[in-house]
């Protein structure tokens, strides 16, 4: 009986040793695998080091050619997009201006339709004055301003001389005497010079 118990203990002891040894082998394999991993990572570096200067140059050339092709394609797309946007601006650029002016056109049509219904010319004149004032405000909203000519010095940047008026005195020499046609600025850029008569 004691012998059987001793035999069982030996078997258990052997099984335990086998399990420990299997576990030890597994750990050793794991450590080995972990040690091999960094070497695997280093392999591409070795491959790069093994490339000859010619192979490196060809590789760089291929990369640059690909980059150039991509850049050219992007630029071509950009050029097409800008061309399309420019064409749309040319076709529809005046949309804002026309939309702002249409209500004034409506007022003018109403004034013309009602002109025959009244015998008082003063009312018709007042109506047209209101339309003109509305038109000036609309132009100002679009960035269009009238060039001021009253008692202004003659300036070729803003004025165009159409007449010289002699005998106005020294204080009026080189000054705007009369405005024949109004001039206008669009966002501080002259779009039409004011036609003026100046003192001589």
Protein backbone atom coordinates (compact mmCIF):
# COMPACT_ATOMS: atom_id res chain seq x y z
CA UNK A 1 0.00 0.00 0.00
CA UNK A 2 2.82 2.38 0.92
CA UNK A 3 4.58 1.41 -2.30
CA UNK A 4 1.54 2.36 -4.40
CA UNK A 5 1.30 5.74 -2.67
CA UNK A 6 5.00 6.31 -3.30
CA UNK A 7 4.53 5.31 -6.96
CA UNK A 8 1.61 7.76 -7.31
CA UNK A 9 3.69 10.55 -5.78
CA UNK A 10 6.55 9.84 -8.20
CA UNK A 11 4.16 9.92 -11.18
CA UNK A 12 2.69 13.23 -10.02
CA UNK A 13 6.18 14.61 -9.52
CA UNK A 14 7.19 13.48 -13.03
CA UNK A 15 4.04 15.00 -14.56
CA UNK A 16 4.78 18.28 -12.77
CA UNK A 17 8.38 18.30 -14.05
CA UNK A 18 7.17 17.60 -17.62
CA UNK A 19 4.65 20.45 -17.41
CA UNK A 20 7.34 22.81 -16.08
CA UNK A 21 9.73 21.79 -18.82
CA UNK A 22 7.05 22.28 -21.53
CA UNK A 23 6.27 25.68 -20.11
CA UNK A 24 9.97 26.54 -20.03
CA UNK A 25 10.34 25.49 -23.66
CA UNK A 26 7.37 27.67 -24.64
CA UNK A 27 8.86 30.66 -22.85
CA UNK A 28 12.20 30.06 -24.52
CA UNK A 29 10.51 29.91 -27.95
CA UNK A 30 8.62 33.11 -27.19
CA UNK A 31 11.83 34.92 -26.20
CA UNK A 32 13.50 33.66 -29.35
CA UNK A 33 10.59 34.92 -31.48
CA UNK A 34 10.76 38.33 -29.81
CA UNK A 35 14.50 38.51 -30.44
CA UNK A 36 13.99 37.61 -34.09
CA UNK A 37 11.35 40.34 -34.64
CA UNK A 38 13.73 43.32 -34.48
CA UNK A 39 16.00 41.50 -36.93
CA UNK A 40 13.05 41.17 -39.30
CA UNK A 41 12.49 44.90 -39.00
CA UNK A 42 16.09 45.54 -39.85
CA UNK A 43 15.89 43.46 -43.03
CA UNK A 44 14.44 46.26 -45.24
CA UNK A 45 17.25 48.55 -44.04
CA UNK A 46 19.77 45.94 -45.11
CA UNK A 47 17.95 45.67 -48.43
CA UNK A 48 18.22 49.44 -48.89
CA UNK A 49 21.89 49.34 -47.99
CA UNK A 50 22.37 46.57 -50.53
CA UNK A 51 20.88 48.74 -53.35
CA UNK A 52 23.48 50.08 -55.71
CA UNK A 53 23.72 53.84 -56.40
CA UNK A 54 22.20 53.26 -59.85
CA UNK A 55 19.21 51.41 -58.37
CA UNK A 56 18.74 54.19 -55.82
CA UNK A 57 18.87 56.83 -58.55
CA UNK A 58 16.34 54.92 -60.67
CA UNK A 59 14.05 54.54 -57.66
CA UNK A 60 14.28 58.28 -56.93
CA UNK A 61 13.63 59.04 -60.60
CA UNK A 62 10.47 56.90 -60.58
CA UNK A 63 9.21 58.63 -57.44
CA UNK A 64 9.86 62.10 -58.90
CA UNK A 65 8.18 61.17 -62.19
CA UNK A 66 5.10 59.98 -60.31
CA UNK A 67 5.07 63.17 -58.22
CA UNK A 68 5.40 65.30 -61.37
CA UNK A 69 2.50 63.50 -63.07
CA UNK A 70 0.27 64.00 -60.02
CA UNK A 71 1.18 67.70 -59.80
CA UNK A 72 0.48 68.19 -63.51
CA UNK A 73 -2.92 66.49 -63.16
CA UNK A 74 -3.81 68.67 -60.14
CA UNK A 75 -2.77 71.83 -62.00
CA UNK A 76 -4.78 70.81 -65.08
CA UNK A 77 -7.88 70.28 -62.90
CA UNK A 78 -7.30 73.67 -61.24
CA UNK A 79 -6.93 75.38 -64.64
CA UNK A 80 -10.20 73.84 -65.90
CA UNK A 81 -12.04 74.86 -62.72
CA UNK A 82 -10.78 78.47 -62.93
CA UNK A 83 -11.74 78.67 -66.63
CA UNK A 84 -15.26 77.42 -65.82
CA UNK A 85 -15.65 79.90 -62.91
CA UNK A 86 -14.42 82.75 -65.13
CA UNK A 87 -16.94 81.86 -67.86
CA UNK A 88 -19.74 81.79 -65.26
CA UNK A 89 -18.65 85.21 -63.95
CA UNK A 90 -18.71 86.69 -67.46
CA UNK A 91 -22.18 85.27 -68.11
CA UNK A 92 -23.73 86.00 -64.71
CA UNK A 93 -21.51 88.72 -63.25
CA UNK A 94 -24.09 91.46 -63.84
CA UNK A 95 -26.83 89.52 -62.02
CA UNK A 96 -26.45 91.50 -58.76
CA UNK A 97 -26.55 94.84 -60.61
CA UNK A 98 -29.57 93.93 -62.74
CA UNK A 99 -31.48 92.59 -59.71
CA UNK A 100 -30.85 95.91 -57.90
CA UNK A 101 -31.95 98.02 -60.90
CA UNK A 102 -35.15 96.10 -61.75
CA UNK A 103 -37.26 97.76 -58.97
CA UNK A 104 -36.31 101.17 -60.43
CA UNK A 105 -37.43 99.98 -63.86
CA UNK A 106 -40.77 99.01 -62.27
CA UNK A 107 -41.10 102.53 -60.75
CA UNK A 108 -40.34 104.14 -64.13
CA UNK A 109 -42.99 102.02 -65.87
CA UNK A 110 -45.57 102.95 -63.21
CA UNK A 111 -44.66 106.65 -63.55
CA UNK A 112 -45.10 106.47 -67.32
CA UNK A 113 -48.44 104.63 -66.99
CA UNK A 114 -49.77 107.23 -64.50
CA UNK A 115 -48.36 110.29 -66.31
CA UNK A 116 -51.48 110.64 -68.47
CA UNK A 117 -53.83 110.35 -65.49
CA UNK A 118 -52.86 113.70 -63.96
CA UNK A 119 -52.84 117.23 -65.31
CA UNK A 120 -50.44 118.49 -62.62
CA UNK A 121 -46.89 118.54 -64.11
CA UNK A 122 -45.44 119.21 -60.63
CA UNK A 123 -46.60 115.80 -59.37
CA UNK A 124 -45.00 114.08 -62.39
CA UNK A 125 -41.76 115.98 -61.76
CA UNK A 126 -41.77 115.00 -58.06
CA UNK A 127 -42.36 111.37 -59.02
CA UNK A 128 -39.38 111.35 -61.40
CA UNK A 129 -37.18 113.06 -58.78
CA UNK A 130 -38.01 110.28 -56.31
CA UNK A 131 -37.12 107.65 -58.92
CA UNK A 132 -33.78 109.38 -59.66
CA UNK A 133 -32.95 109.57 -55.92
CA UNK A 134 -33.77 105.88 -55.54
CA UNK A 135 -31.54 105.13 -58.53
CA UNK A 136 -28.61 107.06 -56.98
CA UNK A 137 -29.01 105.17 -53.67
CA UNK A 138 -29.06 101.85 -55.55
CA UNK A 139 -25.86 102.78 -57.40
CA UNK A 140 -24.19 103.75 -54.10
CA UNK A 141 -25.19 100.35 -52.70
CA UNK A 142 -23.38 98.75 -55.66
CA UNK A 143 -20.23 100.81 -54.95
CA UNK A 144 -20.86 103.49 -57.64
CA UNK A 145 -20.29 107.08 -56.50
CA UNK A 146 -20.49 110.39 -58.36
CA UNK A 147 -17.27 112.37 -58.88
CA UNK A 148 -17.54 115.67 -57.05
CA UNK A 149 -16.82 118.61 -59.38
CA UNK A 150 -18.20 121.61 -57.46
CA UNK A 151 -15.37 124.18 -56.95
CA UNK A 152 -12.83 121.38 -57.51
CA UNK A 153 -9.35 121.81 -58.96
CA UNK A 154 -9.03 120.30 -62.42
CA UNK A 155 -7.55 116.80 -62.08
CA UNK A 156 -6.89 114.64 -65.14
CA UNK A 157 -7.37 111.50 -62.99
CA UNK A 158 -11.07 112.37 -62.55
CA UNK A 159 -11.92 115.11 -65.06
CA UNK A 160 -11.92 115.50 -68.82
CA UNK A 161 -11.77 119.09 -70.07
CA UNK A 162 -14.24 119.76 -72.88
CA UNK A 163 -14.14 123.57 -72.75
CA UNK A 164 -11.94 126.42 -71.53
CA UNK A 165 -13.71 129.47 -70.13
CA UNK A 166 -11.58 132.67 -70.44
CA UNK A 167 -11.87 135.80 -68.29
CA UNK A 168 -12.93 134.07 -65.06
CA UNK A 169 -10.19 135.66 -62.94
CA UNK A 170 -7.07 134.24 -61.32
CA UNK A 171 -8.98 132.53 -58.51
CA UNK A 172 -10.92 130.42 -61.06
CA UNK A 173 -7.88 129.53 -63.19
CA UNK A 174 -7.46 125.74 -63.40
CA UNK A 175 -10.72 125.20 -61.50
CA UNK A 176 -13.88 123.41 -62.64
CA UNK A 177 -16.43 126.02 -63.70
CA UNK A 178 -19.19 123.72 -64.95
CA UNK A 179 -19.87 119.96 -65.24
CA UNK A 180 -21.20 119.00 -68.67
CA UNK A 181 -21.48 115.28 -67.90
CA UNK A 182 -21.15 113.58 -64.49
CA UNK A 183 -18.32 111.15 -63.85
CA UNK A 184 -18.50 108.02 -61.71
CA UNK A 185 -16.25 105.81 -59.57
CA UNK A 186 -16.77 102.11 -58.97
CA UNK A 187 -15.08 101.14 -55.67
CA UNK A 188 -12.64 104.09 -56.03
CA UNK A 189 -11.84 103.23 -59.67
CA UNK A 190 -12.85 105.75 -62.34
CA UNK A 191 -15.34 104.14 -64.73
CA UNK A 192 -16.27 107.43 -66.42
CA UNK A 193 -14.42 110.76 -66.26
CA UNK A 194 -16.47 113.86 -65.54
CA UNK A 195 -16.65 116.15 -68.61
CA UNK A 196 -16.04 119.67 -67.35
CA UNK A 197 -15.41 123.26 -68.40
CA UNK A 198 -12.43 124.84 -66.67
CA UNK A 199 -11.37 128.44 -66.04
CA UNK A 200 -8.55 129.82 -68.16
